[in-house]
Amino acid sequence: MKLRIGTRRSRLALAQAGEVAERLARAGIESELVPMATSGDRGAAVAASPAGVKGLFVAEIVRALQAGEVDLAVHSAKDLPASDEEGVVVAAVPPRADPSDLLVTRDPTLRREAMVGTSSLRRRAQLVALRPELRFVEIRGNVDRRLRMVEDGELDGVVLAAAGIARLGVTPPSSEVLPIVPAPGQGCLALQARADDRATREAVASLDDPESRMAFEAERSVVTLLGGGCALPLGALATITGDTVRLVALVADPDGSRILRAESEAATPDMVAEAVANELLAGGAGEILAAIRP
């Protein structure tokens, strides 16, 4: 059996798919990478995707999976829409990497009104409240491009996922872990297969990490319950201790003027997600998200 793994062409995406290929090889399963250019990689506008900005980076790969052109799709879990496309399931979630956000800078100390780049409303909303002395600017591009913007002096700093930096093997000149709630699924890889492809699903089952899977499901579920979508200021992080799932989530106004935060513990991902979502909705999360959605 040789699995065809669909992946984006970016260096980070190829590193992630390569990590999966190595895990499969250790399980005695042969695979090959099938790199694809997505709409997001080609710079398409968000309006081009019904699923928003995240859909720009997964749609073509999912379509190739549905069409049988690849057997497995490897995504950053945070790039997935809140629900799977028809006929597709998340067959495995390998052990999660560090879900933290990093502030990467040239110098350890940022001057007042230093320019920090981020494309995420979630990050910006939390950082405006946390570091009001900084200026936050919108940026696009892959991790390599964003790091170069700091190296070349276009920006004083950028906010990036710690997992991506680690998977690329990059050591920034200066970085700090930010005390903010990450994106749902951040640090996780999601391996999609066709629902009716029993052979592939069985082949990758050994890569599934139960705790990472539970955390992913709790975080994804709270997004669904909040009616959330892509590019919204919505964060969530679940941790597993024994038989308990703990979830913290937040919804914020993009300008950081109002941040709603809730946390709870329960026995299952669905139960904890429902408790946290209800608390956020009672606090006005629905109104905040409705005002932002296109």
C-alpha atoms as a PDB file:
ATOM      1  CA  MET A   1       0.000   0.000   0.000  1.00  0.00           C
ATOM      2  CA  LYS A   2       1.331   3.414  -0.974  1.00  0.00           C
ATOM      3  CA  LEU A   3      -0.573   6.491   0.176  1.00  0.00           C
ATOM      4  CA  ARG A   4      -0.615   9.684  -1.865  1.00  0.00           C
ATOM      5  CA  ILE A   5      -0.470  12.645   0.550  1.00  0.00           C
ATOM      6  CA  GLY A   6      -1.935  15.933  -0.679  1.00  0.00           C
ATOM      7  CA  THR A   7      -0.301  19.051   0.738  1.00  0.00           C
ATOM      8  CA  ARG A   8       0.287  22.711   0.010  1.00  0.00           C
ATOM      9  CA  ARG A   9       3.588  23.646  -1.623  1.00  0.00           C
ATOM     10  CA  SER A  10       4.820  25.985   1.112  1.00  0.00           C
ATOM     11  CA  ARG A  11       7.927  24.975   3.033  1.00  0.00           C
ATOM     12  CA  LEU A  12       5.958  24.644   6.256  1.00  0.00           C
ATOM     13  CA  ALA A  13       3.219  22.538   4.645  1.00  0.00           C
ATOM     14  CA  LEU A  14       5.815  20.233   3.088  1.00  0.00           C
ATOM     15  CA  ALA A  15       7.553  19.898   6.467  1.00  0.00           C
ATOM     16  CA  GLN A  16       4.239  18.952   8.064  1.00  0.00           C
ATOM     17  CA  ALA A  17       3.416  16.416   5.363  1.00  0.00           C
ATOM     18  CA  GLY A  18       6.952  15.052   5.616  1.00  0.00           C
ATOM     19  CA  GLU A  19       6.441  14.566   9.349  1.00  0.00           C
ATOM     20  CA  VAL A  20       3.337  12.495   8.594  1.00  0.00           C
ATOM     21  CA  ALA A  21       5.202  10.511   5.937  1.00  0.00           C
ATOM     22  CA  GLU A  22       7.926   9.698   8.465  1.00  0.00           C
ATOM     23  CA  ARG A  23       5.355   8.513  11.007  1.00  0.00           C
ATOM     24  CA  LEU A  24       3.756   6.323   8.341  1.00  0.00           C
ATOM     25  CA  ALA A  25       7.150   4.903   7.373  1.00  0.00           C
ATOM     26  CA  ARG A  26       7.801   3.943  10.996  1.00  0.00           C
ATOM     27  CA  ALA A  27       4.470   2.092  10.880  1.00  0.00           C
ATOM     28  CA  GLY A  28       5.604   0.260   7.732  1.00  0.00           C
ATOM     29  CA  ILE A  29       3.425   2.255   5.330  1.00  0.00           C
ATOM     30  CA  GLU A  30       4.901   3.752   2.147  1.00  0.00           C
ATOM     31  CA  SER A  31       3.760   7.193   0.984  1.00  0.00           C
ATOM     32  CA  GLU A  32       4.527   9.976  -1.458  1.00  0.00           C
ATOM     33  CA  LEU A  33       3.879  13.716  -1.232  1.00  0.00           C
ATOM     34  CA  VAL A  34       1.667  15.381  -3.838  1.00  0.00           C
ATOM     35  CA  PRO A  35       2.282  19.150  -3.517  1.00  0.00           C
ATOM     36  CA  MET A  36      -0.496  21.457  -4.730  1.00  0.00           C
ATOM     37  CA  ALA A  37      -0.837  25.218  -5.168  1.00  0.00           C
ATOM     38  CA  THR A  38      -3.971  26.537  -3.461  1.00  0.00           C
ATOM     39  CA  SER A  39      -5.947  29.715  -4.104  1.00  0.00           C
ATOM     40  CA  GLY A  40      -4.481  31.215  -0.954  1.00  0.00           C
ATOM     41  CA  ASP A  41      -0.939  30.495  -2.136  1.00  0.00           C
ATOM     42  CA  ARG A  42      -1.780  32.243  -5.407  1.00  0.00           C
ATOM     43  CA  GLY A  43      -2.962  35.337  -3.513  1.00  0.00           C
ATOM     44  CA  ALA A  44      -6.700  34.989  -4.138  1.00  0.00           C
ATOM     45  CA  ALA A  45      -9.026  37.353  -2.312  1.00  0.00           C
ATOM     46  CA  VAL A  46     -10.959  36.046   0.686  1.00  0.00           C
ATOM     47  CA  ALA A  47     -14.210  36.645  -1.229  1.00  0.00           C
ATOM     48  CA  ALA A  48     -13.146  33.883  -3.625  1.00  0.00           C
ATOM     49  CA  SER A  49     -13.761  31.262  -0.941  1.00  0.00           C
ATOM     50  CA  PRO A  50     -17.167  30.504   0.593  1.00  0.00           C
ATOM     51  CA  ALA A  51     -15.276  29.212   3.656  1.00  0.00           C
ATOM     52  CA  GLY A  52     -13.329  32.440   4.116  1.00  0.00           C
ATOM     53  CA  VAL A  53      -9.582  32.875   4.350  1.00  0.00           C
ATOM     54  CA  LYS A  54      -8.941  29.388   5.694  1.00  0.00           C
ATOM     55  CA  GLY A  55     -10.856  27.850   2.821  1.00  0.00           C
ATOM     56  CA  LEU A  56      -8.380  29.410   0.418  1.00  0.00           C
ATOM     57  CA  PHE A  57      -5.681  27.069   1.706  1.00  0.00           C
ATOM     58  CA  VAL A  58      -7.579  23.781   1.867  1.00  0.00           C
ATOM     59  CA  ALA A  59     -10.287  23.733  -0.840  1.00  0.00           C
ATOM     60  CA  GLU A  60      -8.217  22.403  -3.755  1.00  0.00           C
ATOM     61  CA  ILE A  61      -6.609  19.739  -1.601  1.00  0.00           C
ATOM     62  CA  VAL A  62      -9.982  18.596  -0.292  1.00  0.00           C
ATOM     63  CA  ARG A  63     -11.388  18.472  -3.832  1.00  0.00           C
ATOM     64  CA  ALA A  64      -8.425  16.318  -4.912  1.00  0.00           C
ATOM     65  CA  LEU A  65      -9.131  14.015  -1.986  1.00  0.00           C
ATOM     66  CA  GLN A  66     -12.819  13.761  -2.866  1.00  0.00           C
ATOM     67  CA  ALA A  67     -11.918  13.015  -6.494  1.00  0.00           C
ATOM     68  CA  GLY A  68      -9.537  10.222  -5.511  1.00  0.00           C
ATOM     69  CA  GLU A  69      -6.459  12.040  -6.810  1.00  0.00           C
ATOM     70  CA  VAL A  70      -4.851  11.718  -3.371  1.00  0.00           C
ATOM     71  CA  ASP A  71      -5.557   9.335  -0.495  1.00  0.00           C
ATOM     72  CA  LEU A  72      -4.740  11.582   2.430  1.00  0.00           C
ATOM     73  CA  ALA A  73      -4.697  15.342   2.995  1.00  0.00           C
ATOM     74  CA  VAL A  74      -2.488  16.951   5.636  1.00  0.00           C
ATOM     75  CA  HIS A  75      -3.570  20.330   6.993  1.00  0.00           C
ATOM     76  CA  SER A  76      -2.721  22.644   9.848  1.00  0.00           C
ATOM     77  CA  ALA A  77      -5.816  21.958  11.933  1.00  0.00           C
ATOM     78  CA  LYS A  78      -6.344  25.676  12.517  1.00  0.00           C
ATOM     79  CA  ASP A  79      -6.821  26.115   8.743  1.00  0.00           C
ATOM     80  CA  LEU A  80      -9.793  23.744   8.593  1.00  0.00           C
ATOM     81  CA  PRO A  81     -13.348  25.119   8.454  1.00  0.00           C
ATOM     82  CA  ALA A  82     -15.545  24.161  11.415  1.00  0.00           C
ATOM     83  CA  SER A  83     -17.097  21.204   9.577  1.00  0.00           C
ATOM     84  CA  ASP A  84     -15.784  18.653   7.083  1.00  0.00           C
ATOM     85  CA  GLU A  85     -16.722  18.648   3.431  1.00  0.00           C
ATOM     86  CA  GLU A  86     -19.054  15.942   2.169  1.00  0.00           C
ATOM     87  CA  GLY A  87     -17.501  12.488   2.157  1.00  0.00           C
ATOM     88  CA  VAL A  88     -14.392  13.580   4.065  1.00  0.00           C
ATOM     89  CA  VAL A  89     -13.403  12.891   7.676  1.00  0.00           C
ATOM     90  CA  VAL A  90     -10.467  13.691   9.944  1.00  0.00           C
ATOM     91  CA  ALA A  91      -8.928  10.228  10.133  1.00  0.00           C
ATOM     92  CA  ALA A  92      -6.123  11.085  12.554  1.00  0.00           C
ATOM     93  CA  VAL A  93      -4.740  13.883  14.719  1.00  0.00           C
ATOM     94  CA  PRO A  94      -1.071  13.141  15.562  1.00  0.00           C
ATOM     95  CA  PRO A  95       0.480  14.378  18.840  1.00  0.00           C
ATOM     96  CA  ARG A  96       0.050  18.119  19.125  1.00  0.00           C
ATOM     97  CA  ALA A  97       2.990  20.518  18.914  1.00  0.00           C
ATOM     98  CA  ASP A  98       3.275  23.670  21.036  1.00  0.00           C
ATOM     99  CA  PRO A  99       0.022  25.649  20.486  1.00  0.00           C
ATOM    100  CA  SER A 100       1.509  28.967  21.654  1.00  0.00           C
ATOM    101  CA  ASP A 101       1.821  32.205  19.711  1.00  0.00           C
ATOM    102  CA  LEU A 102       5.255  33.835  19.505  1.00  0.00           C
ATOM    103  CA  LEU A 103       6.228  37.467  19.060  1.00  0.00           C
ATOM    104  CA  VAL A 104       9.313  37.283  16.830  1.00  0.00           C
ATOM    105  CA  THR A 105      11.496  40.407  16.735  1.00  0.00           C
ATOM    106  CA  ARG A 106      14.975  41.536  15.687  1.00  0.00           C
ATOM    107  CA  ASP A 107      15.681  42.989  19.127  1.00  0.00           C
ATOM    108  CA  PRO A 108      14.554  41.753  22.557  1.00  0.00           C
ATOM    109  CA  THR A 109      13.061  45.140  23.465  1.00  0.00           C
ATOM    110  CA  LEU A 110      10.583  46.833  21.144  1.00  0.00           C
ATOM    111  CA  ARG A 111      10.422  50.602  20.992  1.00  0.00           C
ATOM    112  CA  ARG A 112       7.153  52.396  21.613  1.00  0.00           C
ATOM    113  CA  GLU A 113       4.934  52.327  18.484  1.00  0.00           C
ATOM    114  CA  ALA A 114       7.041  49.556  16.958  1.00  0.00           C
ATOM    115  CA  MET A 115       5.323  47.967  13.953  1.00  0.00           C
ATOM    116  CA  VAL A 116       4.228  44.380  14.492  1.00  0.00           C
ATOM    117  CA  GLY A 117       2.662  42.375  11.665  1.00  0.00           C
ATOM    118  CA  THR A 118      -0.211  39.925  11.984  1.00  0.00           C
ATOM    119  CA  SER A 119      -3.055  38.855   9.714  1.00  0.00           C
ATOM    120  CA  SER A 120      -5.139  37.512  12.595  1.00  0.00           C
ATOM    121  CA  LEU A 121      -7.992  39.450  14.210  1.00  0.00           C
ATOM    122  CA  ARG A 122      -7.750  37.080  17.166  1.00  0.00           C
ATOM    123  CA  ARG A 123      -4.108  37.925  17.777  1.00  0.00           C
ATOM    124  CA  ARG A 124      -4.584  41.627  17.156  1.00  0.00           C
ATOM    125  CA  ALA A 125      -7.569  41.944  19.492  1.00  0.00           C
ATOM    126  CA  GLN A 126      -5.713  40.324  22.371  1.00  0.00           C
ATOM    127  CA  LEU A 127      -2.446  42.144  21.716  1.00  0.00           C
ATOM    128  CA  VAL A 128      -4.040  45.588  21.478  1.00  0.00           C
ATOM    129  CA  ALA A 129      -5.260  45.053  25.030  1.00  0.00           C
ATOM    130  CA  LEU A 130      -1.989  43.478  26.160  1.00  0.00           C
ATOM    131  CA  ARG A 131       0.522  45.754  24.402  1.00  0.00           C
ATOM    132  CA  PRO A 132      -1.258  49.031  23.572  1.00  0.00           C
ATOM    133  CA  GLU A 133       2.052  50.817  22.976  1.00  0.00           C
ATOM    134  CA  LEU A 134       2.671  48.830  19.773  1.00  0.00           C
ATOM    135  CA  ARG A 135       1.295  49.386  16.263  1.00  0.00           C
ATOM    136  CA  PHE A 136      -0.248  46.355  14.597  1.00  0.00           C
ATOM    137  CA  VAL A 137      -0.346  46.129  10.810  1.00  0.00           C
ATOM    138  CA  GLU A 138      -2.019  43.688   8.411  1.00  0.00           C
ATOM    139  CA  ILE A 139       0.316  41.351   6.525  1.00  0.00           C
ATOM    140  CA  ARG A 140      -0.039  38.376   4.152  1.00  0.00           C
ATOM    141  CA  GLY A 141       2.391  35.685   3.080  1.00  0.00           C
ATOM    142  CA  ASN A 142       3.861  32.435   4.364  1.00  0.00           C
ATOM    143  CA  VAL A 143       6.095  32.094   7.418  1.00  0.00           C
ATOM    144  CA  ASP A 144       9.305  32.557   5.441  1.00  0.00           C
ATOM    145  CA  ARG A 145       8.014  35.792   3.911  1.00  0.00           C
ATOM    146  CA  ARG A 146       6.964  37.136   7.313  1.00  0.00           C
ATOM    147  CA  LEU A 147      10.319  36.348   8.875  1.00  0.00           C
ATOM    148  CA  ARG A 148      12.096  38.112   6.005  1.00  0.00           C
ATOM    149  CA  MET A 149       9.987  41.222   6.629  1.00  0.00           C
ATOM    150  CA  VAL A 150      11.494  41.388  10.114  1.00  0.00           C
ATOM    151  CA  GLU A 151      15.016  40.578   8.932  1.00  0.00           C
ATOM    152  CA  ASP A 152      14.824  43.252   6.206  1.00  0.00           C
ATOM    153  CA  GLY A 153      13.491  45.910   8.576  1.00  0.00           C
ATOM    154  CA  GLU A 154      10.052  46.226   6.989  1.00  0.00           C
ATOM    155  CA  LEU A 155       8.602  45.334  10.376  1.00  0.00           C
ATOM    156  CA  ASP A 156       9.893  45.357  13.928  1.00  0.00           C
ATOM    157  CA  GLY A 157       8.179  42.079  14.719  1.00  0.00           C
ATOM    158  CA  VAL A 158       5.645  39.483  13.620  1.00  0.00           C
ATOM    159  CA  VAL A 159       3.349  37.135  15.505  1.00  0.00           C
ATOM    160  CA  LEU A 160       3.688  33.497  14.463  1.00  0.00           C
ATOM    161  CA  ALA A 161       2.644  30.064  15.709  1.00  0.00           C
ATOM    162  CA  ALA A 162       5.370  28.393  17.763  1.00  0.00           C
ATOM    163  CA  ALA A 163       4.575  25.062  16.094  1.00  0.00           C
ATOM    164  CA  GLY A 164       5.313  26.432  12.632  1.00  0.00           C
ATOM    165  CA  ILE A 165       8.631  27.906  13.715  1.00  0.00           C
ATOM    166  CA  ALA A 166       9.640  24.601  15.300  1.00  0.00           C
ATOM    167  CA  ARG A 167       8.601  22.500  12.296  1.00  0.00           C
ATOM    168  CA  LEU A 168      10.683  24.708  10.019  1.00  0.00           C
ATOM    169  CA  GLY A 169      13.688  24.349  12.312  1.00  0.00           C
ATOM    170  CA  VAL A 170      14.004  28.140  12.536  1.00  0.00           C
ATOM    171  CA  THR A 171      15.699  29.888  15.453  1.00  0.00           C
ATOM    172  CA  PRO A 172      14.549  33.543  15.461  1.00  0.00           C
ATOM    173  CA  PRO A 173      17.005  36.186  16.701  1.00  0.00           C
ATOM    174  CA  SER A 174      14.567  37.072  19.468  1.00  0.00           C
ATOM    175  CA  SER A 175      11.155  35.749  20.460  1.00  0.00           C
ATOM    176  CA  GLU A 176       8.771  35.570  23.390  1.00  0.00           C
ATOM    177  CA  VAL A 177       5.758  33.403  24.130  1.00  0.00           C
ATOM    178  CA  LEU A 178       2.614  35.536  24.244  1.00  0.00           C
ATOM    179  CA  PRO A 179       0.041  34.987  27.007  1.00  0.00           C
ATOM    180  CA  ILE A 180      -2.893  34.889  24.605  1.00  0.00           C
ATOM    181  CA  VAL A 181      -5.441  32.215  23.680  1.00  0.00           C
ATOM    182  CA  PRO A 182      -4.397  30.505  20.427  1.00  0.00           C
ATOM    183  CA  ALA A 183      -6.488  29.678  17.399  1.00  0.00           C
ATOM    184  CA  PRO A 184      -8.645  26.551  17.650  1.00  0.00           C
ATOM    185  CA  GLY A 185      -6.525  23.618  16.514  1.00  0.00           C
ATOM    186  CA  GLN A 186      -3.237  25.533  16.588  1.00  0.00           C
ATOM    187  CA  GLY A 187      -0.274  23.155  16.828  1.00  0.00           C
ATOM    188  CA  CYS A 188      -2.367  20.192  15.612  1.00  0.00           C
ATOM    189  CA  LEU A 189      -2.173  18.466  12.266  1.00  0.00           C
ATOM    190  CA  ALA A 190      -5.409  17.113  10.802  1.00  0.00           C
ATOM    191  CA  LEU A 191      -5.169  14.122   8.464  1.00  0.00           C
ATOM    192  CA  GLN A 192      -8.214  13.894   6.226  1.00  0.00           C
ATOM    193  CA  ALA A 193      -9.326  10.819   4.312  1.00  0.00           C
ATOM    194  CA  ARG A 194     -12.414   9.858   2.367  1.00  0.00           C
ATOM    195  CA  ALA A 195     -15.108   8.536   4.679  1.00  0.00           C
ATOM    196  CA  ASP A 196     -15.559   5.426   2.529  1.00  0.00           C
ATOM    197  CA  ASP A 197     -11.815   4.707   2.205  1.00  0.00           C
ATOM    198  CA  ARG A 198     -11.532   2.099   4.935  1.00  0.00           C
ATOM    199  CA  ALA A 199      -8.022   1.013   3.960  1.00  0.00           C
ATOM    200  CA  THR A 200      -6.529   4.493   4.329  1.00  0.00           C
ATOM    201  CA  ARG A 201      -8.401   5.210   7.535  1.00  0.00           C
ATOM    202  CA  GLU A 202      -7.118   1.979   9.057  1.00  0.00           C
ATOM    203  CA  ALA A 203      -3.594   2.706   7.819  1.00  0.00           C
ATOM    204  CA  VAL A 204      -3.413   6.086   9.590  1.00  0.00           C
ATOM    205  CA  ALA A 205      -5.342   5.084  12.710  1.00  0.00           C
ATOM    206  CA  SER A 206      -2.108   4.382  14.594  1.00  0.00           C
ATOM    207  CA  LEU A 207      -1.063   8.030  14.098  1.00  0.00           C
ATOM    208  CA  ASP A 208      -4.065   9.292  16.047  1.00  0.00           C
ATOM    209  CA  ASP A 209      -3.182  10.642  19.496  1.00  0.00           C
ATOM    210  CA  PRO A 210      -6.229  10.366  21.809  1.00  0.00           C
ATOM    211  CA  GLU A 211      -5.490  13.503  23.870  1.00  0.00           C
ATOM    212  CA  SER A 212      -4.688  15.640  20.823  1.00  0.00           C
ATOM    213  CA  ARG A 213      -7.840  14.356  19.119  1.00  0.00           C
ATOM    214  CA  MET A 214     -10.002  15.256  22.141  1.00  0.00           C
ATOM    215  CA  ALA A 215      -8.508  18.734  22.348  1.00  0.00           C
ATOM    216  CA  PHE A 216      -9.021  19.269  18.612  1.00  0.00           C
ATOM    217  CA  GLU A 217     -12.633  18.128  18.832  1.00  0.00           C
ATOM    218  CA  ALA A 218     -13.402  20.371  21.821  1.00  0.00           C
ATOM    219  CA  GLU A 219     -11.915  23.433  20.141  1.00  0.00           C
ATOM    220  CA  ARG A 220     -13.566  22.745  16.803  1.00  0.00           C
ATOM    221  CA  SER A 221     -16.899  22.100  18.492  1.00  0.00           C
ATOM    222  CA  VAL A 222     -16.919  25.433  20.309  1.00  0.00           C
ATOM    223  CA  VAL A 223     -16.311  27.201  16.980  1.00  0.00           C
ATOM    224  CA  THR A 224     -19.290  25.379  15.491  1.00  0.00           C
ATOM    225  CA  LEU A 225     -21.537  26.186  18.463  1.00  0.00           C
ATOM    226  CA  LEU A 226     -20.631  29.870  18.279  1.00  0.00           C
ATOM    227  CA  GLY A 227     -21.452  29.925  14.591  1.00  0.00           C
ATOM    228  CA  GLY A 228     -17.876  30.976  14.057  1.00  0.00           C
ATOM    229  CA  GLY A 229     -16.004  30.880  10.828  1.00  0.00           C
ATOM    230  CA  CYS A 230     -12.681  31.860   9.434  1.00  0.00           C
ATOM    231  CA  ALA A 231     -10.752  35.027  10.214  1.00  0.00           C
ATOM    232  CA  LEU A 232     -12.781  35.799  13.328  1.00  0.00           C
ATOM    233  CA  PRO A 233     -11.348  36.974  16.682  1.00  0.00           C
ATOM    234  CA  LEU A 234     -12.096  33.655  18.336  1.00  0.00           C
ATOM    235  CA  GLY A 235      -9.567  31.626  20.323  1.00  0.00           C
ATOM    236  CA  ALA A 236      -9.794  28.254  22.043  1.00  0.00           C
ATOM    237  CA  LEU A 237      -7.436  25.893  23.817  1.00  0.00           C
ATOM    238  CA  ALA A 238      -8.297  22.527  25.371  1.00  0.00           C
ATOM    239  CA  THR A 239      -6.104  20.461  27.670  1.00  0.00           C
ATOM    240  CA  ILE A 240      -6.646  16.918  28.881  1.00  0.00           C
ATOM    241  CA  THR A 241      -5.961  15.760  32.435  1.00  0.00           C
ATOM    242  CA  GLY A 242      -6.930  12.183  33.121  1.00  0.00           C
ATOM    243  CA  ASP A 243     -10.623  11.840  32.250  1.00  0.00           C
ATOM    244  CA  THR A 244     -11.253  15.597  32.219  1.00  0.00           C
ATOM    245  CA  VAL A 245     -11.278  18.003  29.265  1.00  0.00           C
ATOM    246  CA  ARG A 246     -10.590  21.627  30.224  1.00  0.00           C
ATOM    247  CA  LEU A 247     -11.398  24.308  27.654  1.00  0.00           C
ATOM    248  CA  VAL A 248     -10.745  28.027  27.639  1.00  0.00           C
ATOM    249  CA  ALA A 249     -12.116  30.169  24.817  1.00  0.00           C
ATOM    250  CA  LEU A 250     -12.567  33.816  24.012  1.00  0.00           C
ATOM    251  CA  VAL A 251     -14.306  36.129  21.598  1.00  0.00           C
ATOM    252  CA  ALA A 252     -13.131  39.721  21.230  1.00  0.00           C
ATOM    253  CA  ASP A 253     -13.939  42.954  19.481  1.00  0.00           C
ATOM    254  CA  PRO A 254     -11.216  43.443  16.838  1.00  0.00           C
ATOM    255  CA  ASP A 255     -10.077  46.665  18.531  1.00  0.00           C
ATOM    256  CA  GLY A 256      -9.553  44.844  21.829  1.00  0.00           C
ATOM    257  CA  SER A 257     -12.096  47.023  23.624  1.00  0.00           C
ATOM    258  CA  ARG A 258     -14.117  44.019  24.785  1.00  0.00           C
ATOM    259  CA  ILE A 259     -12.807  40.526  25.380  1.00  0.00           C
ATOM    260  CA  LEU A 260     -15.143  37.778  26.523  1.00  0.00           C
ATOM    261  CA  ARG A 261     -13.479  34.762  28.098  1.00  0.00           C
ATOM    262  CA  ALA A 262     -14.948  31.534  29.433  1.00  0.00           C
ATOM    263  CA  GLU A 263     -13.582  28.241  30.671  1.00  0.00           C
ATOM    264  CA  SER A 264     -15.001  24.986  31.927  1.00  0.00           C
ATOM    265  CA  GLU A 265     -14.244  21.313  32.543  1.00  0.00           C
ATOM    266  CA  ALA A 266     -16.231  18.250  31.524  1.00  0.00           C
ATOM    267  CA  ALA A 267     -15.893  14.576  30.700  1.00  0.00           C
ATOM    268  CA  THR A 268     -16.185  14.926  26.905  1.00  0.00           C
ATOM    269  CA  PRO A 269     -15.203  17.441  24.201  1.00  0.00           C
ATOM    270  CA  ASP A 270     -18.847  18.075  23.278  1.00  0.00           C
ATOM    271  CA  MET A 271     -19.922  18.713  26.868  1.00  0.00           C
ATOM    272  CA  VAL A 272     -17.136  21.184  27.657  1.00  0.00           C
ATOM    273  CA  ALA A 273     -17.589  22.975  24.330  1.00  0.00           C
ATOM    274  CA  GLU A 274     -21.297  23.417  25.001  1.00  0.00           C
ATOM    275  CA  ALA A 275     -20.673  24.845  28.470  1.00  0.00           C
ATOM    276  CA  VAL A 276     -18.067  27.319  27.237  1.00  0.00           C
ATOM    277  CA  ALA A 277     -20.098  28.348  24.182  1.00  0.00           C
ATOM    278  CA  ASN A 278     -23.195  28.986  26.302  1.00  0.00           C
ATOM    279  CA  GLU A 279     -21.240  31.198  28.683  1.00  0.00           C
ATOM    280  CA  LEU A 280     -19.735  33.208  25.833  1.00  0.00           C
ATOM    281  CA  LEU A 281     -23.091  33.606  24.086  1.00  0.00           C
ATOM    282  CA  ALA A 282     -24.690  34.763  27.330  1.00  0.00           C
ATOM    283  CA  GLY A 283     -21.996  37.427  27.546  1.00  0.00           C
ATOM    284  CA  GLY A 284     -22.670  38.781  24.061  1.00  0.00           C
ATOM    285  CA  ALA A 285     -20.324  36.746  21.834  1.00  0.00           C
ATOM    286  CA  GLY A 286     -23.021  36.284  19.219  1.00  0.00           C
ATOM    287  CA  GLU A 287     -23.391  40.032  18.739  1.00  0.00           C
ATOM    288  CA  ILE A 288     -19.630  40.545  18.444  1.00  0.00           C
ATOM    289  CA  LEU A 289     -19.231  37.815  15.823  1.00  0.00           C
ATOM    290  CA  ALA A 290     -22.343  38.872  13.875  1.00  0.00           C
ATOM    291  CA  ALA A 291     -20.972  42.388  13.546  1.00  0.00           C
ATOM    292  CA  ILE A 292     -17.731  41.087  12.045  1.00  0.00           C
ATOM    293  CA  ARG A 293     -18.984  38.449   9.628  1.00  0.00           C
ATOM    294  CA  PRO A 294     -19.154  39.584   5.990  1.00  0.00           C
END
